[in-house]
């Protein structure tokens, strides 16, 4: 039985200000991990029309938000990985602004708001393409990792680049034959980042 929403564990760091500038590694999976974005053939991703929409909308994320900088990303058959930097200094707002506005409203430059807008845009375009306005495209939540160092940034970049070649070890692959040690490495990080880093 699916647990109630109120009992779901948060995937984000408690107390961390998600509207402050930093680099993030995000993973967003399709509903039921359905492979609607394409397939892996000889170690490369062959995109479906829906998969092409993911790339277009992700690139648009930075075009319409001057405070967002995109780095490495990959569209996989049933999920998406991306690295992005959210820098509120580019937006000209205070560094210590709260993550929610009065009465619980979202902050426009916070990570949850950025991802929510991306998921919504993708859903609308894919459902328009398939003429099925009520199809559920994404899982309810998403995974987010705050990148804490240049070394971590490079390792995550490498994982994203090689993801199609290591598909058989991907934990999002229902038919995986093993586990990539990247996930064990990622699980070691449980504290807040010590300082900002810059993508380069």
Protein backbone atom coordinates (compact mmCIF):
# COMPACT_ATOMS: atom_id res chain seq x y z
CA UNK A 1 0.00 0.00 0.00
CA UNK A 2 1.33 3.44 -0.90
CA UNK A 3 2.18 5.52 2.21
CA UNK A 4 0.24 8.70 2.87
CA UNK A 5 1.84 11.91 1.66
CA UNK A 6 2.21 13.20 5.22
CA UNK A 7 4.44 10.25 6.10
CA UNK A 8 6.84 10.60 3.20
CA UNK A 9 10.43 11.38 4.13
CA UNK A 10 11.80 14.65 2.78
CA UNK A 11 14.62 14.25 0.26
CA UNK A 12 16.03 17.69 1.09
CA UNK A 13 18.30 18.92 3.89
CA UNK A 14 16.31 20.09 6.96
CA UNK A 15 16.73 23.79 7.63
CA UNK A 16 18.77 24.50 4.50
CA UNK A 17 17.89 27.70 2.62
CA UNK A 18 17.17 26.39 -0.86
CA UNK A 19 16.95 29.88 -2.34
CA UNK A 20 20.62 30.64 -1.66
CA UNK A 21 23.21 30.35 -4.39
CA UNK A 22 24.81 26.94 -4.81
CA UNK A 23 25.23 24.06 -7.21
CA UNK A 24 22.74 21.19 -7.22
CA UNK A 25 22.53 17.73 -8.73
CA UNK A 26 18.91 16.80 -9.42
CA UNK A 27 17.25 13.59 -10.56
CA UNK A 28 13.63 13.48 -11.70
CA UNK A 29 11.95 10.17 -12.55
CA UNK A 30 8.92 9.41 -14.67
CA UNK A 31 5.73 8.10 -13.09
CA UNK A 32 6.13 4.37 -12.40
CA UNK A 33 9.56 4.70 -14.06
CA UNK A 34 7.95 4.29 -17.46
CA UNK A 35 10.55 4.55 -20.31
CA UNK A 36 8.76 7.29 -22.22
CA UNK A 37 11.80 9.44 -23.05
CA UNK A 38 13.59 6.95 -25.28
CA UNK A 39 15.71 3.83 -25.15
CA UNK A 40 19.36 2.86 -24.73
CA UNK A 41 20.92 1.39 -27.90
CA UNK A 42 24.62 0.53 -27.98
CA UNK A 43 25.37 2.78 -25.03
CA UNK A 44 23.59 5.86 -26.35
CA UNK A 45 20.14 7.32 -25.78
CA UNK A 46 17.74 7.33 -28.71
CA UNK A 47 15.20 9.94 -27.78
CA UNK A 48 11.48 9.74 -28.29
CA UNK A 49 9.60 12.94 -29.11
CA UNK A 50 8.90 13.26 -25.39
CA UNK A 51 12.62 12.95 -24.64
CA UNK A 52 13.42 15.79 -27.00
CA UNK A 53 10.96 17.98 -25.12
CA UNK A 54 12.91 17.41 -21.89
CA UNK A 55 16.08 18.89 -23.40
CA UNK A 56 14.23 21.86 -24.88
CA UNK A 57 12.48 22.74 -21.62
CA UNK A 58 15.61 22.27 -19.50
CA UNK A 59 17.58 24.67 -21.69
CA UNK A 60 14.68 27.11 -21.49
CA UNK A 61 15.01 27.05 -17.68
CA UNK A 62 18.21 29.10 -17.88
CA UNK A 63 17.02 31.34 -20.71
CA UNK A 64 14.05 32.62 -18.73
CA UNK A 65 15.88 32.80 -15.36
CA UNK A 66 19.04 34.91 -15.32
CA UNK A 67 19.98 33.54 -11.89
CA UNK A 68 20.16 29.91 -13.14
CA UNK A 69 23.24 28.46 -14.81
CA UNK A 70 23.07 24.96 -16.33
CA UNK A 71 25.90 22.45 -16.39
CA UNK A 72 25.99 18.78 -17.45
CA UNK A 73 22.67 16.99 -17.94
CA UNK A 74 21.32 13.80 -19.49
CA UNK A 75 17.89 12.54 -20.51
CA UNK A 76 17.56 8.81 -19.82
CA UNK A 77 14.66 6.52 -20.81
CA UNK A 78 12.79 6.99 -17.54
CA UNK A 79 14.57 9.80 -15.70
CA UNK A 80 16.57 12.99 -16.00
CA UNK A 81 19.82 14.09 -14.33
CA UNK A 82 21.05 17.68 -14.29
CA UNK A 83 23.48 20.02 -12.55
CA UNK A 84 22.47 23.64 -12.06
CA UNK A 85 23.60 26.67 -10.13
CA UNK A 86 21.06 28.99 -8.53
CA UNK A 87 22.63 32.36 -7.78
CA UNK A 88 20.32 34.93 -6.23
CA UNK A 89 23.02 37.59 -6.51
CA UNK A 90 22.18 37.62 -10.21
CA UNK A 91 18.59 38.34 -9.27
CA UNK A 92 19.62 41.24 -7.06
CA UNK A 93 17.84 39.95 -3.95
CA UNK A 94 19.04 39.53 -0.39
CA UNK A 95 21.26 36.55 0.38
CA UNK A 96 19.37 35.67 3.55
CA UNK A 97 15.89 35.76 2.12
CA UNK A 98 13.57 33.02 3.46
CA UNK A 99 12.71 29.98 1.33
CA UNK A 100 8.98 30.68 1.59
CA UNK A 101 7.09 33.92 1.45
CA UNK A 102 4.47 35.02 3.94
CA UNK A 103 1.68 32.46 4.39
CA UNK A 104 3.81 29.72 2.86
CA UNK A 105 4.00 30.94 -0.74
CA UNK A 106 6.99 29.74 -2.80
CA UNK A 107 10.00 31.90 -3.60
CA UNK A 108 10.43 32.28 -7.36
CA UNK A 109 14.16 31.50 -7.34
CA UNK A 110 14.05 28.55 -4.95
CA UNK A 111 14.94 25.07 -6.20
CA UNK A 112 11.46 23.55 -5.60
CA UNK A 113 9.86 26.34 -7.63
CA UNK A 114 12.33 25.93 -10.52
CA UNK A 115 11.81 22.16 -10.68
CA UNK A 116 8.04 22.48 -10.33
CA UNK A 117 7.91 24.87 -13.28
CA UNK A 118 10.12 22.59 -15.39
CA UNK A 119 8.01 19.52 -14.63
CA UNK A 120 4.81 21.40 -15.37
CA UNK A 121 6.05 22.71 -18.72
CA UNK A 122 7.21 19.24 -19.77
CA UNK A 123 3.92 17.65 -18.70
CA UNK A 124 1.86 20.19 -20.63
CA UNK A 125 3.89 19.76 -23.83
CA UNK A 126 3.99 15.96 -23.72
CA UNK A 127 0.29 15.69 -22.99
CA UNK A 128 -0.49 18.12 -25.80
CA UNK A 129 1.68 16.02 -28.12
CA UNK A 130 -0.12 12.81 -27.16
CA UNK A 131 -3.56 14.46 -26.99
CA UNK A 132 -3.93 13.05 -23.46
CA UNK A 133 -4.30 16.02 -21.10
CA UNK A 134 -4.51 13.98 -17.89
CA UNK A 135 -1.48 11.71 -18.26
CA UNK A 136 0.86 11.69 -15.28
CA UNK A 137 4.42 12.14 -16.57
CA UNK A 138 6.50 12.53 -13.41
CA UNK A 139 6.86 11.04 -9.97
CA UNK A 140 5.54 13.34 -7.29
CA UNK A 141 8.95 14.23 -5.82
CA UNK A 142 12.51 14.54 -7.07
CA UNK A 143 15.99 13.84 -5.70
CA UNK A 144 18.30 16.74 -4.93
CA UNK A 145 21.93 16.76 -3.81
CA UNK A 146 23.78 19.92 -2.82
CA UNK A 147 27.24 19.81 -4.42
CA UNK A 148 29.82 20.55 -1.76
CA UNK A 149 33.16 20.71 -3.59
CA UNK A 150 34.86 20.87 -6.96
CA UNK A 151 35.80 17.19 -6.59
CA UNK A 152 32.16 16.24 -6.09
CA UNK A 153 31.15 18.39 -9.04
CA UNK A 154 33.59 16.57 -11.33
CA UNK A 155 32.53 13.13 -10.12
CA UNK A 156 28.85 13.91 -10.70
CA UNK A 157 29.65 15.31 -14.14
CA UNK A 158 31.45 12.10 -14.99
CA UNK A 159 28.53 9.99 -13.80
CA UNK A 160 26.08 11.98 -15.92
CA UNK A 161 28.29 11.71 -19.02
CA UNK A 162 28.67 7.95 -18.61
CA UNK A 163 25.10 7.22 -17.56
CA UNK A 164 23.99 5.72 -20.89
CA UNK A 165 27.03 3.40 -20.92
CA UNK A 166 26.29 2.21 -17.37
CA UNK A 167 22.53 1.82 -17.84
CA UNK A 168 22.66 -1.83 -16.76
CA UNK A 169 23.85 -0.65 -13.30
CA UNK A 170 21.43 2.28 -13.00
CA UNK A 171 19.15 2.02 -9.99
CA UNK A 172 16.35 3.59 -12.05
CA UNK A 173 16.61 0.71 -14.54
CA UNK A 174 14.04 -1.99 -13.63
CA UNK A 175 16.24 -4.58 -15.35
CA UNK A 176 19.57 -3.58 -13.81
CA UNK A 177 22.14 -6.31 -13.26
CA UNK A 178 24.12 -4.66 -10.44
CA UNK A 179 24.68 -1.34 -8.70
CA UNK A 180 26.91 1.55 -9.62
CA UNK A 181 29.23 2.53 -6.74
CA UNK A 182 28.31 6.15 -7.49
CA UNK A 183 25.19 5.71 -5.35
CA UNK A 184 27.18 4.49 -2.35
CA UNK A 185 29.51 7.46 -2.74
CA UNK A 186 26.56 9.86 -2.95
CA UNK A 187 24.97 8.39 0.17
CA UNK A 188 27.98 9.46 2.25
CA UNK A 189 26.92 13.13 2.14
CA UNK A 190 24.48 14.01 4.89
CA UNK A 191 25.49 17.48 6.11
CA UNK A 192 25.05 20.96 4.72
CA UNK A 193 27.59 22.40 2.29
CA UNK A 194 30.43 24.38 3.77
CA UNK A 195 30.64 27.04 1.07
CA UNK A 196 29.45 28.06 -2.37
CA UNK A 197 31.16 26.76 -5.46
CA UNK A 198 31.17 28.10 -8.99
CA UNK A 199 30.59 26.04 -12.10
CA UNK A 200 33.48 26.22 -14.51
